Amino acid sequence: MDTSPIRVLVVDDDHDDYVILRDLFLEIETGKFRLEWVETYDAAIERMVRNEYDVCLVDYLLGERNGLELMNEAIKNGCKVPIILLTGKGAREVDMAAMKAGASDYLDKGEIGPSLLERSIRYAIERKRTQEERERLIFELREALAKVKQLSGLLPMCASCKKIRDDKGYWNQLETYISDHSEADFSHGICPECVKKLYPEYAHEFDSYEKSGV
């Protein structure tokens, strides 16, 4: 089990509000947290795009800018960390805008307690982990389908030697072409018909061997 502390970036331009939030973290009995506080919009952007945190807590009011603008700019510039928006204004339109902008959660500062804070952070991190796992599986599935599609359609094959012509016009042995266009490997043997044709003196012995199932 991973016991390392959860890395939290707090973005709030009010030091007193940060102190209140910090004290709430101290009251959380489950889990450990390592907080870093920034109070300006530009400093927040610079840190959020590093993707070095497990979660970001962003205040809605940031001087002349706001948390929604910060979220949009951070995400646009590559931030993949789950973001929880904090505000003292419990307006529904802010809540809806936060979700639309990509926030993992929205919390009213006046209602935050240690339990709610911990649960919101835990859920945000887990949802992000689930999303990344889903994206990884989708990528692997697309890769697998792409490889399958490489062997679809009509393949020009020599009627005599069974070589296959690739898309560059070169003729390749069948096993070479399949190996280059799939993950299949080959082992070599000899079929009964070829034994009879090439080694007729061993045909009877080969038939007995085949029938024995050894």
Protein backbone atom coordinates (compact mmCIF):
# COMPACT_ATOMS: atom_id res chain seq x y z
CA MET A 1 0.00 0.00 0.00
CA ASP A 2 1.23 3.49 -0.90
CA THR A 3 1.71 5.47 2.34
CA SER A 4 3.31 8.54 0.79
CA PRO A 5 1.54 11.84 1.58
CA ILE A 6 -1.01 13.26 -0.85
CA ARG A 7 0.49 16.32 -2.54
CA VAL A 8 -1.96 19.23 -2.49
CA LEU A 9 -1.57 22.59 -4.21
CA VAL A 10 -3.73 25.30 -2.61
CA VAL A 11 -4.42 28.37 -4.74
CA ASP A 12 -5.90 31.21 -2.66
CA ASP A 13 -5.06 34.91 -2.54
CA ASP A 14 -6.30 35.23 1.07
CA HIS A 15 -3.77 34.08 3.68
CA ASP A 16 -6.40 33.80 6.42
CA ASP A 17 -8.49 31.48 4.26
CA TYR A 18 -5.43 29.36 3.60
CA VAL A 19 -4.73 29.06 7.32
CA ILE A 20 -8.32 27.91 7.93
CA LEU A 21 -7.97 25.29 5.20
CA ARG A 22 -4.60 24.17 6.52
CA ASP A 23 -6.11 23.64 9.97
CA LEU A 24 -8.88 21.52 8.44
CA PHE A 25 -6.25 19.25 6.94
CA LEU A 26 -4.68 18.86 10.38
CA GLU A 27 -8.01 17.53 11.65
CA ILE A 28 -8.24 14.79 9.00
CA GLU A 29 -7.50 11.52 10.77
CA THR A 30 -7.06 9.32 7.69
CA GLY A 31 -4.17 9.87 5.31
CA LYS A 32 -1.28 12.29 5.22
CA PHE A 33 -1.12 15.49 3.22
CA ARG A 34 1.68 17.75 2.04
CA LEU A 35 0.41 21.24 1.27
CA GLU A 36 1.91 23.93 -0.92
CA TRP A 37 0.27 27.35 -1.06
CA VAL A 38 0.42 29.93 -3.84
CA GLU A 39 -1.53 33.19 -3.81
CA THR A 40 -1.26 34.49 -7.38
CA TYR A 41 -2.77 33.43 -10.67
CA ASP A 42 0.55 33.30 -12.51
CA ALA A 43 2.28 31.27 -9.78
CA ALA A 44 -0.62 28.81 -9.83
CA ILE A 45 -0.40 28.31 -13.60
CA GLU A 46 3.34 27.76 -13.41
CA ARG A 47 2.94 25.00 -10.80
CA MET A 48 -0.23 23.35 -12.09
CA VAL A 49 1.19 22.59 -15.53
CA ARG A 50 4.09 20.70 -13.93
CA ASN A 51 1.66 17.92 -12.93
CA GLU A 52 3.60 17.32 -9.72
CA TYR A 53 0.56 17.27 -7.40
CA ASP A 54 -2.16 14.75 -6.66
CA VAL A 55 -4.88 17.41 -6.44
CA CYS A 56 -5.30 21.19 -6.70
CA LEU A 57 -7.67 23.23 -4.51
CA VAL A 58 -8.45 26.46 -6.34
CA ASP A 59 -10.29 29.44 -4.86
CA TYR A 60 -12.90 30.97 -7.15
CA LEU A 61 -11.90 34.58 -6.42
CA LEU A 62 -8.30 35.40 -7.37
CA GLY A 63 -8.06 39.17 -7.50
CA GLU A 64 -8.96 40.39 -10.97
CA ARG A 65 -9.13 36.80 -12.28
CA ASN A 66 -11.13 33.79 -11.08
CA GLY A 67 -10.70 30.09 -10.54
CA LEU A 68 -12.63 29.13 -13.68
CA GLU A 69 -10.24 31.12 -15.84
CA LEU A 70 -7.32 29.51 -14.05
CA MET A 71 -8.71 26.02 -14.61
CA ASN A 72 -9.33 26.60 -18.30
CA GLU A 73 -5.85 28.01 -18.89
CA ALA A 74 -4.13 25.31 -16.82
CA ILE A 75 -5.94 22.46 -18.59
CA LYS A 76 -5.30 24.07 -21.97
CA ASN A 77 -1.58 24.13 -21.15
CA GLY A 78 -1.40 20.47 -20.15
CA CYS A 79 -2.52 20.29 -16.52
CA LYS A 80 -3.82 16.77 -15.82
CA VAL A 81 -4.17 17.07 -12.05
CA PRO A 82 -7.72 16.85 -10.63
CA ILE A 83 -8.98 20.29 -9.60
CA ILE A 84 -11.45 21.11 -6.83
CA LEU A 85 -12.95 24.61 -6.92
CA LEU A 86 -13.51 26.45 -3.63
CA THR A 87 -15.76 29.47 -3.21
CA GLY A 88 -17.61 31.49 -0.61
CA LYS A 89 -20.45 32.05 -3.04
CA GLY A 90 -22.68 29.00 -3.26
CA ALA A 91 -24.29 30.00 -6.55
CA ARG A 92 -25.53 27.14 -8.71
CA GLU A 93 -24.30 28.79 -11.89
CA VAL A 94 -20.73 28.73 -10.53
CA ASP A 95 -21.14 25.06 -9.62
CA MET A 96 -22.34 24.16 -13.12
CA ALA A 97 -19.64 26.26 -14.77
CA ALA A 98 -16.98 24.54 -12.65
CA MET A 99 -18.13 21.08 -13.71
CA LYS A 100 -18.28 22.17 -17.34
CA ALA A 101 -14.76 23.57 -17.13
CA GLY A 102 -13.46 20.21 -15.91
CA ALA A 103 -13.47 20.54 -12.12
CA SER A 104 -13.51 17.27 -10.19
CA ASP A 105 -15.65 18.83 -7.47
CA TYR A 106 -17.02 22.11 -6.15
CA LEU A 107 -17.01 23.00 -2.44
CA ASP A 108 -18.58 25.91 -0.58
CA LYS A 109 -16.01 27.22 1.92
CA GLY A 110 -18.71 27.80 4.49
CA GLU A 111 -19.68 24.13 4.47
CA ILE A 112 -16.26 22.45 4.33
CA GLY A 113 -15.33 20.19 7.22
CA PRO A 114 -12.46 17.69 7.60
CA SER A 115 -14.61 14.73 6.54
CA LEU A 116 -16.07 16.45 3.47
CA LEU A 117 -12.65 17.76 2.44
CA GLU A 118 -11.00 14.35 2.74
CA ARG A 119 -13.80 12.60 0.85
CA SER A 120 -13.80 15.15 -1.96
CA ILE A 121 -10.04 14.81 -2.43
CA ARG A 122 -10.17 11.01 -2.29
CA TYR A 123 -12.97 10.82 -4.85
CA ALA A 124 -11.25 13.31 -7.16
CA ILE A 125 -8.02 11.31 -7.16
CA GLU A 126 -9.82 8.01 -7.68
CA ARG A 127 -11.91 9.38 -10.56
CA LYS A 128 -8.73 10.65 -12.21
CA ARG A 129 -7.05 7.27 -11.77
CA THR A 130 -10.08 5.51 -13.26
CA GLN A 131 -10.14 7.92 -16.20
CA GLU A 132 -6.45 7.37 -16.93
CA GLU A 133 -6.90 3.59 -16.76
CA ARG A 134 -9.83 3.79 -19.16
CA GLU A 135 -7.82 5.93 -21.57
CA ARG A 136 -4.92 3.45 -21.38
CA LEU A 137 -7.21 0.52 -22.19
CA ILE A 138 -8.79 2.42 -25.09
CA PHE A 139 -5.33 3.22 -26.47
CA GLU A 140 -4.24 -0.43 -26.22
CA LEU A 141 -7.46 -1.56 -27.90
CA ARG A 142 -6.95 0.87 -30.76
CA GLU A 143 -3.37 -0.31 -31.15
CA ALA A 144 -4.55 -3.92 -31.29
CA LEU A 145 -7.25 -3.10 -33.84
CA ALA A 146 -4.73 -1.20 -35.96
CA LYS A 147 -2.49 -4.27 -36.06
CA VAL A 148 -5.42 -6.48 -37.03
CA LYS A 149 -6.41 -4.08 -39.80
CA GLN A 150 -2.93 -4.32 -41.28
CA LEU A 151 -3.77 -7.86 -42.39
CA SER A 152 -7.24 -7.04 -43.71
CA GLY A 153 -8.25 -6.60 -47.33
CA LEU A 154 -6.83 -8.31 -50.44
CA LEU A 155 -3.22 -9.53 -50.35
CA PRO A 156 -1.48 -10.16 -53.72
CA MET A 157 -0.05 -13.69 -53.48
CA CYS A 158 2.02 -15.62 -55.99
CA ALA A 159 0.04 -18.66 -57.14
CA SER A 160 3.25 -20.68 -57.44
CA CYS A 161 5.63 -19.84 -54.57
CA LYS A 162 3.00 -18.25 -52.27
CA LYS A 163 5.04 -15.09 -51.70
CA ILE A 164 3.08 -11.92 -50.82
CA ARG A 165 3.61 -8.53 -52.42
CA ASP A 166 3.76 -5.70 -49.88
CA ASP A 167 2.53 -2.13 -50.38
CA LYS A 168 5.98 -1.13 -51.71
CA GLY A 169 5.88 -3.72 -54.48
CA TYR A 170 8.35 -6.17 -52.94
CA TRP A 171 7.64 -9.90 -52.75
CA ASN A 172 8.11 -11.46 -49.29
CA GLN A 173 7.90 -14.94 -47.88
CA LEU A 174 4.51 -15.52 -46.27
CA GLU A 175 5.93 -15.94 -42.76
CA THR A 176 8.06 -12.80 -43.16
CA TYR A 177 5.08 -10.70 -44.17
CA ILE A 178 2.89 -11.97 -41.33
CA SER A 179 5.67 -11.47 -38.76
CA ASP A 180 6.17 -7.88 -39.91
CA HIS A 181 2.45 -7.10 -39.75
CA SER A 182 1.41 -8.92 -36.58
CA GLU A 183 2.78 -10.30 -33.32
CA ALA A 184 2.70 -13.89 -34.58
CA ASP A 185 5.84 -16.06 -34.46
CA PHE A 186 6.50 -19.19 -36.50
CA SER A 187 7.81 -22.65 -35.75
CA HIS A 188 8.53 -24.96 -38.65
CA GLY A 189 7.49 -28.53 -39.33
CA ILE A 190 6.43 -30.57 -42.33
CA CYS A 191 2.97 -31.73 -43.30
CA PRO A 192 2.12 -35.37 -44.30
CA GLU A 193 1.59 -34.45 -47.97
CA CYS A 194 5.07 -32.93 -48.23
CA VAL A 195 6.64 -35.93 -46.47
CA LYS A 196 5.12 -38.25 -49.04
CA LYS A 197 6.29 -36.01 -51.86
CA LEU A 198 9.80 -35.24 -50.64
CA TYR A 199 10.62 -38.23 -48.44
CA PRO A 200 8.49 -41.14 -49.64
CA GLU A 201 10.77 -43.65 -47.89
CA TYR A 202 9.74 -42.18 -44.53
CA ALA A 203 6.02 -41.71 -45.30
CA HIS A 204 4.83 -44.85 -43.52
CA GLU A 205 6.93 -44.12 -40.43
CA PHE A 206 5.66 -40.53 -40.38
CA ASP A 207 2.00 -41.66 -40.61
CA SER A 208 2.50 -43.97 -37.63
CA TYR A 209 4.09 -41.14 -35.67
CA GLU A 210 1.21 -38.76 -36.49
CA LYS A 211 -1.45 -41.28 -35.50
CA SER A 212 0.26 -42.00 -32.18
CA GLY A 213 -0.31 -38.36 -31.15
CA VAL A 214 3.12 -38.14 -29.54
